[in-house]
Amino acid sequence: MSQPKSFRKSTIREYFESIVIAVILALFIRTWVVQAFKIPTGSMESNLLVGDHLLVNKFVFGPTLGDVDELFLPHATVERGDVIVFKFPIGFILVIRYEFLR
């Protein structure tokens, strides 16, 4: 009986697979977990300055599918002082500090 040949990937293939996995993972994280934004206007100058950078947690205020979803993912209601990021369809980004106006 002859011994089976061991399969060995080439170095280029290993690099390619690593890069593809890293890109897929980065896109998943950016789409569903956290994303960086930059303050475009001076509408919040008392708190955030033009050009400030924010990391937005997309899980906290996102929609849920029900009770089971809320058990496994962090979820909160919008409270006073929270900073909320809206992305307009035109491509502009709007950052709002949620305040109760009474």
N, C-alpha and C. Protein backbone atom coordinates (compact mmCIF):
# COMPACT_ATOMS: atom_id res chain seq x y z
N MET A 1 0.83 -1.18 0.00
CA MET A 1 0.00 0.00 0.00
C MET A 1 0.87 1.24 0.00
N SER A 2 0.47 2.18 -0.80
CA SER A 2 1.20 3.44 -0.81
C SER A 2 0.56 4.41 0.17
N GLN A 3 1.37 5.24 0.72
CA GLN A 3 0.87 6.21 1.70
C GLN A 3 0.18 7.34 0.95
N PRO A 4 -0.95 7.83 1.51
CA PRO A 4 -1.64 8.94 0.83
C PRO A 4 -0.80 10.21 0.91
N LYS A 5 -0.83 10.94 -0.19
CA LYS A 5 -0.09 12.20 -0.22
C LYS A 5 -0.81 13.23 0.63
N SER A 6 -0.07 13.98 1.39
CA SER A 6 -0.68 15.03 2.21
C SER A 6 -0.94 16.25 1.32
N PHE A 7 -2.12 16.80 1.48
CA PHE A 7 -2.51 17.97 0.69
C PHE A 7 -1.94 19.22 1.34
N ARG A 8 -1.25 20.03 0.58
CA ARG A 8 -0.67 21.26 1.10
C ARG A 8 -1.07 22.42 0.20
N LYS A 9 -1.64 23.44 0.81
CA LYS A 9 -2.05 24.63 0.05
C LYS A 9 -0.82 25.47 -0.26
N SER A 10 -0.91 26.18 -1.37
CA SER A 10 0.18 27.08 -1.72
C SER A 10 0.11 28.33 -0.83
N THR A 11 1.20 29.01 -0.72
CA THR A 11 1.27 30.21 0.10
C THR A 11 0.32 31.29 -0.41
N ILE A 12 0.23 31.42 -1.72
CA ILE A 12 -0.65 32.44 -2.31
C ILE A 12 -2.11 32.12 -1.98
N ARG A 13 -2.49 30.86 -2.04
CA ARG A 13 -3.86 30.48 -1.72
C ARG A 13 -4.17 30.75 -0.25
N GLU A 14 -3.23 30.46 0.65
CA GLU A 14 -3.45 30.73 2.07
C GLU A 14 -3.63 32.22 2.33
N TYR A 15 -2.81 33.06 1.70
CA TYR A 15 -2.97 34.51 1.84
C TYR A 15 -4.31 34.97 1.29
N PHE A 16 -4.69 34.45 0.12
CA PHE A 16 -5.96 34.83 -0.49
C PHE A 16 -7.13 34.46 0.41
N GLU A 17 -7.14 33.25 0.94
CA GLU A 17 -8.23 32.83 1.84
C GLU A 17 -8.27 33.69 3.10
N SER A 18 -7.11 34.01 3.65
CA SER A 18 -7.07 34.86 4.85
C SER A 18 -7.63 36.25 4.57
N ILE A 19 -7.27 36.82 3.43
CA ILE A 19 -7.76 38.16 3.07
C ILE A 19 -9.27 38.14 2.84
N VAL A 20 -9.77 37.13 2.15
CA VAL A 20 -11.21 37.03 1.89
C VAL A 20 -11.99 36.91 3.20
N ILE A 21 -11.52 36.07 4.11
CA ILE A 21 -12.19 35.91 5.40
C ILE A 21 -12.15 37.21 6.19
N ALA A 22 -11.01 37.91 6.18
CA ALA A 22 -10.91 39.18 6.90
C ALA A 22 -11.86 40.23 6.33
N VAL A 23 -11.98 40.31 5.01
CA VAL A 23 -12.88 41.29 4.38
C VAL A 23 -14.34 40.96 4.71
N ILE A 24 -14.71 39.70 4.64
CA ILE A 24 -16.08 39.31 4.97
C ILE A 24 -16.39 39.62 6.43
N LEU A 25 -15.47 39.32 7.32
CA LEU A 25 -15.66 39.61 8.74
C LEU A 25 -15.77 41.11 8.99
N ALA A 26 -14.92 41.91 8.35
CA ALA A 26 -14.96 43.36 8.52
C ALA A 26 -16.28 43.95 8.01
N LEU A 27 -16.76 43.48 6.87
CA LEU A 27 -18.04 43.96 6.35
C LEU A 27 -19.20 43.58 7.24
N PHE A 28 -19.18 42.37 7.79
CA PHE A 28 -20.22 41.94 8.71
C PHE A 28 -20.24 42.82 9.96
N ILE A 29 -19.06 43.06 10.54
CA ILE A 29 -18.97 43.88 11.76
C ILE A 29 -19.43 45.30 11.47
N ARG A 30 -18.99 45.86 10.35
CA ARG A 30 -19.37 47.24 10.02
C ARG A 30 -20.86 47.37 9.75
N THR A 31 -21.47 46.36 9.16
CA THR A 31 -22.88 46.42 8.82
C THR A 31 -23.78 46.17 10.01
N TRP A 32 -23.42 45.22 10.88
CA TRP A 32 -24.34 44.79 11.92
C TRP A 32 -23.92 45.12 13.35
N VAL A 33 -22.65 45.41 13.62
CA VAL A 33 -22.19 45.56 15.00
C VAL A 33 -21.82 47.00 15.34
N VAL A 34 -20.81 47.55 14.71
CA VAL A 34 -20.31 48.88 15.07
C VAL A 34 -19.83 49.59 13.80
N GLN A 35 -20.00 50.90 13.77
CA GLN A 35 -19.56 51.68 12.62
C GLN A 35 -19.05 53.03 13.08
N ALA A 36 -18.05 53.53 12.39
CA ALA A 36 -17.47 54.83 12.70
C ALA A 36 -18.15 55.92 11.88
N PHE A 37 -18.42 57.06 12.52
CA PHE A 37 -19.00 58.21 11.85
C PHE A 37 -18.22 59.46 12.22
N LYS A 38 -18.33 60.47 11.39
CA LYS A 38 -17.69 61.76 11.63
C LYS A 38 -18.78 62.82 11.65
N ILE A 39 -18.72 63.74 12.61
CA ILE A 39 -19.72 64.80 12.74
C ILE A 39 -19.54 65.77 11.57
N PRO A 40 -20.57 65.92 10.69
CA PRO A 40 -20.41 66.76 9.51
C PRO A 40 -20.78 68.22 9.71
N THR A 41 -21.66 68.54 10.67
CA THR A 41 -22.13 69.91 10.83
C THR A 41 -22.01 70.34 12.28
N GLY A 42 -22.22 71.61 12.52
CA GLY A 42 -22.11 72.16 13.86
C GLY A 42 -23.40 72.18 14.63
N SER A 43 -24.34 71.29 14.32
CA SER A 43 -25.64 71.32 14.98
C SER A 43 -25.57 70.91 16.45
N MET A 44 -24.50 70.27 16.86
CA MET A 44 -24.37 69.82 18.26
C MET A 44 -23.11 70.41 18.90
N GLU A 45 -22.76 71.62 18.56
CA GLU A 45 -21.49 72.18 19.01
C GLU A 45 -21.34 72.28 20.51
N SER A 46 -22.43 72.28 21.27
CA SER A 46 -22.28 72.32 22.71
C SER A 46 -21.78 70.99 23.26
N ASN A 47 -21.95 69.92 22.49
CA ASN A 47 -21.53 68.59 22.94
C ASN A 47 -20.47 67.96 22.05
N LEU A 48 -20.70 68.01 20.76
CA LEU A 48 -19.80 67.40 19.78
C LEU A 48 -19.38 68.45 18.77
N LEU A 49 -18.12 68.47 18.43
CA LEU A 49 -17.61 69.46 17.49
C LEU A 49 -17.56 68.90 16.08
N VAL A 50 -17.54 69.81 15.10
CA VAL A 50 -17.42 69.39 13.71
C VAL A 50 -16.10 68.65 13.55
N GLY A 51 -16.17 67.48 12.94
CA GLY A 51 -14.97 66.68 12.73
C GLY A 51 -14.72 65.63 13.80
N ASP A 52 -15.51 65.64 14.89
CA ASP A 52 -15.36 64.60 15.91
C ASP A 52 -15.76 63.25 15.33
N HIS A 53 -15.15 62.22 15.86
CA HIS A 53 -15.44 60.86 15.40
C HIS A 53 -16.24 60.11 16.46
N LEU A 54 -17.20 59.30 16.01
CA LEU A 54 -18.03 58.49 16.90
C LEU A 54 -17.97 57.04 16.47
N LEU A 55 -18.00 56.13 17.43
CA LEU A 55 -18.23 54.72 17.15
C LEU A 55 -19.65 54.41 17.58
N VAL A 56 -20.45 53.93 16.66
CA VAL A 56 -21.87 53.70 16.91
C VAL A 56 -22.12 52.21 17.12
N ASN A 57 -22.72 51.87 18.25
CA ASN A 57 -23.13 50.51 18.55
C ASN A 57 -24.49 50.29 17.91
N LYS A 58 -24.57 49.41 16.93
CA LYS A 58 -25.81 49.22 16.19
C LYS A 58 -26.78 48.25 16.86
N PHE A 59 -26.33 47.53 17.88
CA PHE A 59 -27.21 46.57 18.54
C PHE A 59 -28.17 47.23 19.51
N VAL A 60 -27.77 48.28 20.18
CA VAL A 60 -28.50 48.78 21.33
C VAL A 60 -29.88 49.32 20.96
N PHE A 61 -29.99 50.14 19.93
CA PHE A 61 -31.27 50.73 19.57
C PHE A 61 -31.90 50.09 18.35
N GLY A 62 -31.38 48.98 17.90
CA GLY A 62 -31.90 48.34 16.70
C GLY A 62 -33.21 47.64 16.95
N PRO A 63 -33.93 47.33 15.88
CA PRO A 63 -35.20 46.62 16.03
C PRO A 63 -34.97 45.19 16.51
N THR A 64 -35.93 44.66 17.23
CA THR A 64 -35.83 43.28 17.71
C THR A 64 -36.93 42.44 17.09
N LEU A 65 -36.72 41.15 17.10
CA LEU A 65 -37.70 40.24 16.53
C LEU A 65 -38.65 39.68 17.57
N GLY A 66 -38.42 40.02 18.82
CA GLY A 66 -39.30 39.53 19.88
C GLY A 66 -38.54 39.30 21.17
N ASP A 67 -39.16 38.56 22.07
CA ASP A 67 -38.57 38.32 23.38
C ASP A 67 -37.29 37.50 23.31
N VAL A 68 -37.22 36.54 22.41
CA VAL A 68 -36.04 35.69 22.31
C VAL A 68 -34.84 36.52 21.87
N ASP A 69 -35.06 37.42 20.93
CA ASP A 69 -33.99 38.28 20.44
C ASP A 69 -33.45 39.18 21.55
N GLU A 70 -34.31 39.68 22.40
CA GLU A 70 -33.89 40.57 23.48
C GLU A 70 -33.11 39.85 24.57
N LEU A 71 -33.27 38.53 24.68
CA LEU A 71 -32.52 37.77 25.67
C LEU A 71 -31.04 37.67 25.31
N PHE A 72 -30.73 37.58 24.02
CA PHE A 72 -29.36 37.34 23.58
C PHE A 72 -28.62 38.59 23.15
N LEU A 73 -29.32 39.61 22.74
CA LEU A 73 -28.68 40.84 22.26
C LEU A 73 -29.00 41.99 23.20
N PRO A 74 -28.05 42.88 23.41
CA PRO A 74 -28.34 44.05 24.25
C PRO A 74 -29.35 44.95 23.55
N HIS A 75 -30.30 45.44 24.31
CA HIS A 75 -31.33 46.30 23.74
C HIS A 75 -31.72 47.33 24.79
N ALA A 76 -31.92 48.57 24.37
CA ALA A 76 -32.30 49.62 25.30
C ALA A 76 -33.27 50.57 24.62
N THR A 77 -34.04 51.27 25.42
CA THR A 77 -34.90 52.31 24.88
C THR A 77 -34.11 53.61 24.83
N VAL A 78 -34.55 54.51 23.98
CA VAL A 78 -33.87 55.80 23.85
C VAL A 78 -34.17 56.63 25.08
N GLU A 79 -33.12 57.14 25.70
CA GLU A 79 -33.26 57.95 26.91
C GLU A 79 -32.64 59.32 26.69
N ARG A 80 -32.93 60.21 27.60
CA ARG A 80 -32.41 61.56 27.53
C ARG A 80 -30.88 61.55 27.55
N GLY A 81 -30.28 62.31 26.65
CA GLY A 81 -28.83 62.41 26.59
C GLY A 81 -28.18 61.43 25.63
N ASP A 82 -28.93 60.50 25.06
CA ASP A 82 -28.38 59.54 24.11
C ASP A 82 -28.11 60.23 22.78
N VAL A 83 -27.02 59.86 22.15
CA VAL A 83 -26.69 60.38 20.82
C VAL A 83 -27.14 59.36 19.79
N ILE A 84 -27.95 59.81 18.83
CA ILE A 84 -28.52 58.92 17.82
C ILE A 84 -28.03 59.37 16.45
N VAL A 85 -27.65 58.41 15.61
CA VAL A 85 -27.14 58.71 14.27
C VAL A 85 -28.18 58.25 13.26
N PHE A 86 -28.57 59.17 12.37
CA PHE A 86 -29.47 58.86 11.27
C PHE A 86 -28.70 59.04 9.98
N LYS A 87 -28.89 58.13 9.05
CA LYS A 87 -28.25 58.26 7.75
C LYS A 87 -29.33 58.55 6.72
N PHE A 88 -29.26 59.74 6.12
CA PHE A 88 -30.22 60.11 5.10
C PHE A 88 -29.97 59.30 3.83
N PRO A 89 -31.02 59.05 3.03
CA PRO A 89 -30.82 58.31 1.78
C PRO A 89 -29.93 59.04 0.78
N ILE A 90 -29.82 60.35 0.90
CA ILE A 90 -29.01 61.13 -0.03
C ILE A 90 -27.52 60.91 0.23
N GLY A 91 -27.17 60.45 1.42
CA GLY A 91 -25.77 60.22 1.73
C GLY A 91 -25.28 61.09 2.88
N PHE A 92 -26.10 62.03 3.35
CA PHE A 92 -25.71 62.85 4.48
C PHE A 92 -25.93 62.07 5.78
N ILE A 93 -25.20 62.42 6.79
CA ILE A 93 -25.36 61.78 8.10
C ILE A 93 -25.83 62.83 9.09
N LEU A 94 -26.85 62.50 9.87
CA LEU A 94 -27.39 63.42 10.86
C LEU A 94 -27.20 62.80 12.24
N VAL A 95 -26.55 63.55 13.13
CA VAL A 95 -26.33 63.08 14.49
C VAL A 95 -27.19 63.94 15.40
N ILE A 96 -28.03 63.30 16.20
CA ILE A 96 -28.96 64.01 17.08
C ILE A 96 -28.75 63.56 18.50
N ARG A 97 -28.72 64.50 19.41
CA ARG A 97 -28.73 64.17 20.83
C ARG A 97 -30.18 64.17 21.26
N TYR A 98 -30.66 63.07 21.76
CA TYR A 98 -32.06 62.90 22.10
C TYR A 98 -32.35 63.64 23.41
N GLU A 99 -33.14 64.67 23.33
CA GLU A 99 -33.54 65.45 24.52
C GLU A 99 -35.05 65.52 24.56
N PHE A 100 -35.61 65.43 25.73
CA PHE A 100 -37.05 65.60 25.88
C PHE A 100 -37.35 67.08 25.97
N LEU A 101 -38.05 67.59 25.01
CA LEU A 101 -38.41 69.00 25.02
C LEU A 101 -39.78 69.14 25.67
N ARG A 102 -39.83 69.82 26.79
CA ARG A 102 -41.10 70.00 27.51
C ARG A 102 -41.39 71.46 27.69
